[in-house]
């Protein structure tokens, strides 16, 4: 897919505060634009979230919208990280798809999002838990599993290795 989209919608651990954009060395190539949402469902798969589009459903997926300053480089890195191979979509864990996002003020934007490639799996997997709020950051905070990157356990500034990252069995996806 080579659509001319230079925005990214991140609903999971690629959002601000989780530290993955820095770890993946793409932080200098993205610019935060604001919070947004799209019509869909968000699931907790245990160590990471999964989103699917659902335009007719009652749920919304919330996340961060970024402008991609170097879309080709950033998307190449994120495709690999997300297990997304556009040439082999059936064997991919996630698909990079264009989605229609609304910012909090209601203004629209078209952005790439990494959507779960196996939506039927979500319906049949008892371990896939729907997150009704659609907000992964809020969900992990409520469960006590989110620490903002750069803050140690006491809130002091520190390195991620000193405890300043998301506490999760797997810090990946979305």
Protein backbone atom coordinates (compact mmCIF):
# COMPACT_ATOMS: atom_id res chain seq x y z
CA UNK A 1 0.00 0.00 0.00
CA UNK A 2 1.53 3.26 -1.03
CA UNK A 3 -1.25 5.72 -0.28
CA UNK A 4 0.00 9.22 0.43
CA UNK A 5 -0.86 9.22 4.11
CA UNK A 6 1.59 10.90 6.47
CA UNK A 7 -0.29 10.40 9.75
CA UNK A 8 -0.23 7.54 12.23
CA UNK A 9 -2.92 6.60 14.74
CA UNK A 10 -1.41 4.73 17.71
CA UNK A 11 -3.80 3.08 20.19
CA UNK A 12 -1.44 0.87 22.19
CA UNK A 13 2.15 0.95 23.32
CA UNK A 14 3.18 3.24 20.45
CA UNK A 15 1.29 6.04 22.21
CA UNK A 16 3.14 8.73 24.12
CA UNK A 17 4.31 7.67 27.57
CA UNK A 18 5.08 4.07 26.70
CA UNK A 19 8.58 4.81 25.35
CA UNK A 20 8.52 2.63 22.25
CA UNK A 21 8.96 5.42 19.71
CA UNK A 22 12.30 6.22 21.35
CA UNK A 23 13.33 2.57 21.55
CA UNK A 24 12.50 2.09 17.88
CA UNK A 25 14.52 5.22 17.01
CA UNK A 26 11.59 6.94 15.28
CA UNK A 27 10.94 9.66 17.87
CA UNK A 28 12.76 12.34 15.83
CA UNK A 29 10.68 11.45 12.75
CA UNK A 30 7.22 11.86 14.29
CA UNK A 31 5.32 14.84 15.67
CA UNK A 32 2.43 14.49 18.11
CA UNK A 33 -0.75 16.16 16.83
CA UNK A 34 -3.29 15.23 19.49
CA UNK A 35 -5.72 12.60 20.73
CA UNK A 36 -8.21 11.05 18.39
CA UNK A 37 -10.63 8.18 17.94
CA UNK A 38 -12.13 5.91 15.32
CA UNK A 39 -15.13 3.58 15.24
CA UNK A 40 -13.88 0.19 16.34
CA UNK A 41 -13.24 -2.21 19.16
CA UNK A 42 -10.16 -2.51 21.33
CA UNK A 43 -9.15 -5.78 22.99
CA UNK A 44 -6.64 -6.74 25.64
CA UNK A 45 -4.82 -9.84 24.45
CA UNK A 46 -2.75 -10.07 27.63
CA UNK A 47 0.60 -8.53 26.89
CA UNK A 48 -0.61 -6.18 24.13
CA UNK A 49 -3.79 -4.66 22.65
CA UNK A 50 -5.52 -5.31 19.34
CA UNK A 51 -7.96 -3.05 17.52
CA UNK A 52 -10.41 -3.72 14.72
CA UNK A 53 -12.63 -1.35 12.78
CA UNK A 54 -16.34 -1.57 13.51
CA UNK A 55 -18.10 1.39 11.88
CA UNK A 56 -21.59 0.21 12.82
CA UNK A 57 -20.78 -0.76 16.41
CA UNK A 58 -21.18 1.25 19.61
CA UNK A 59 -17.47 1.31 20.52
CA UNK A 60 -14.64 3.75 19.88
CA UNK A 61 -10.86 3.25 19.90
CA UNK A 62 -8.88 6.15 21.40
CA UNK A 63 -5.25 6.94 20.69
CA UNK A 64 -2.58 9.43 19.70
CA UNK A 65 -2.26 10.92 16.23
CA UNK A 66 1.21 11.65 14.89
CA UNK A 67 2.49 13.42 11.78
CA UNK A 68 5.15 11.29 10.09
CA UNK A 69 8.06 13.50 9.03
CA UNK A 70 9.71 10.59 7.19
CA UNK A 71 6.79 8.24 6.44
CA UNK A 72 8.75 5.70 4.41
CA UNK A 73 11.39 5.17 7.11
CA UNK A 74 8.97 5.19 10.05
CA UNK A 75 6.46 2.83 8.41
CA UNK A 76 9.21 0.40 7.39
CA UNK A 77 10.39 0.20 11.02
CA UNK A 78 6.86 -0.04 12.42
CA UNK A 79 5.79 -2.68 9.87
CA UNK A 80 8.62 -4.90 11.04
CA UNK A 81 7.93 -4.19 14.72
CA UNK A 82 4.20 -4.88 14.36
CA UNK A 83 4.63 -8.13 12.43
CA UNK A 84 3.05 -6.52 9.37
CA UNK A 85 4.19 -7.74 5.98
CA UNK A 86 2.14 -5.97 3.28
CA UNK A 87 3.30 -8.57 0.75
CA UNK A 88 2.01 -11.46 2.92
CA UNK A 89 -1.08 -10.18 4.77
CA UNK A 90 -2.39 -13.66 5.63
CA UNK A 91 0.70 -14.44 7.69
CA UNK A 92 0.83 -11.03 9.41
CA UNK A 93 -0.29 -10.38 12.96
CA UNK A 94 -1.32 -6.81 12.15
CA UNK A 95 -2.32 -5.01 8.95
CA UNK A 96 -1.43 -1.39 8.32
CA UNK A 97 -4.72 0.16 7.23
CA UNK A 98 -5.96 3.67 6.53
CA UNK A 99 -8.58 4.72 9.09
CA UNK A 100 -10.75 7.79 9.43
CA UNK A 101 -9.88 9.40 12.74
CA UNK A 102 -11.57 12.28 14.54
CA UNK A 103 -9.55 14.55 16.79
CA UNK A 104 -11.10 15.47 20.15
CA UNK A 105 -12.36 18.73 18.61
CA UNK A 106 -14.18 16.74 15.90
CA UNK A 107 -11.86 17.58 13.00
CA UNK A 108 -11.16 14.60 10.72
CA UNK A 109 -7.87 13.11 9.56
CA UNK A 110 -6.92 10.00 7.59
CA UNK A 111 -4.16 8.03 9.30
CA UNK A 112 -2.44 4.68 9.22
CA UNK A 113 -3.30 2.29 12.04
CA UNK A 114 -2.07 -1.21 12.78
CA UNK A 115 -5.26 -3.26 13.02
CA UNK A 116 -5.40 -6.86 14.16
CA UNK A 117 -5.25 -9.11 11.09
CA UNK A 118 -7.38 -11.89 12.60
CA UNK A 119 -10.64 -10.35 13.84
CA UNK A 120 -12.42 -13.75 13.89
CA UNK A 121 -9.80 -14.92 16.39
CA UNK A 122 -10.91 -12.16 18.79
CA UNK A 123 -14.52 -13.36 18.78
CA UNK A 124 -13.52 -16.94 19.60
CA UNK A 125 -10.63 -16.36 22.01
CA UNK A 126 -11.72 -16.35 25.67
CA UNK A 127 -8.43 -14.60 26.49
CA UNK A 128 -9.34 -11.61 24.29
CA UNK A 129 -10.99 -9.10 26.62
CA UNK A 130 -12.97 -6.21 25.15
CA UNK A 131 -11.88 -2.83 26.56
CA UNK A 132 -15.24 -1.00 26.58
CA UNK A 133 -13.69 2.46 27.05
CA UNK A 134 -11.51 1.92 23.97
CA UNK A 135 -8.67 3.68 25.80
CA UNK A 136 -5.63 1.45 26.36
CA UNK A 137 -3.70 4.07 28.36
CA UNK A 138 -6.62 4.49 30.78
CA UNK A 139 -7.07 0.71 30.93
CA UNK A 140 -3.47 -0.08 31.90
CA UNK A 141 -3.37 2.80 34.39
CA UNK A 142 -6.48 1.44 36.10
CA UNK A 143 -4.81 -1.96 36.29
CA UNK A 144 -1.62 -0.42 37.70
CA UNK A 145 0.58 -1.56 34.82
CA UNK A 146 1.58 1.79 33.29
CA UNK A 147 4.47 3.98 34.33
CA UNK A 148 5.36 6.92 32.16
CA UNK A 149 8.76 6.46 30.55
CA UNK A 150 11.50 8.45 32.20
CA UNK A 151 10.05 8.31 35.70
CA UNK A 152 11.29 5.85 38.24
CA UNK A 153 9.07 4.10 40.80
CA UNK A 154 9.02 7.19 43.04
CA UNK A 155 8.28 9.56 40.16
CA UNK A 156 11.89 10.73 39.97
CA UNK A 157 13.41 11.17 36.54
CA UNK A 158 15.45 8.16 35.56
CA UNK A 159 16.38 5.83 32.76
CA UNK A 160 13.92 3.28 31.40
CA UNK A 161 16.12 0.46 32.68
CA UNK A 162 15.68 1.87 36.17
CA UNK A 163 11.96 1.16 36.02
CA UNK A 164 10.63 3.98 33.91
CA UNK A 165 8.87 1.97 31.18
CA UNK A 166 5.56 0.25 30.90
CA UNK A 167 5.44 -2.76 33.15
CA UNK A 168 4.06 -5.35 30.77
CA UNK A 169 4.91 -8.91 29.82
CA UNK A 170 5.48 -7.59 26.32
CA UNK A 171 5.99 -3.96 25.43
CA UNK A 172 4.78 -4.15 21.87
CA UNK A 173 1.99 -3.34 19.41
CA UNK A 174 -0.43 -0.75 18.47
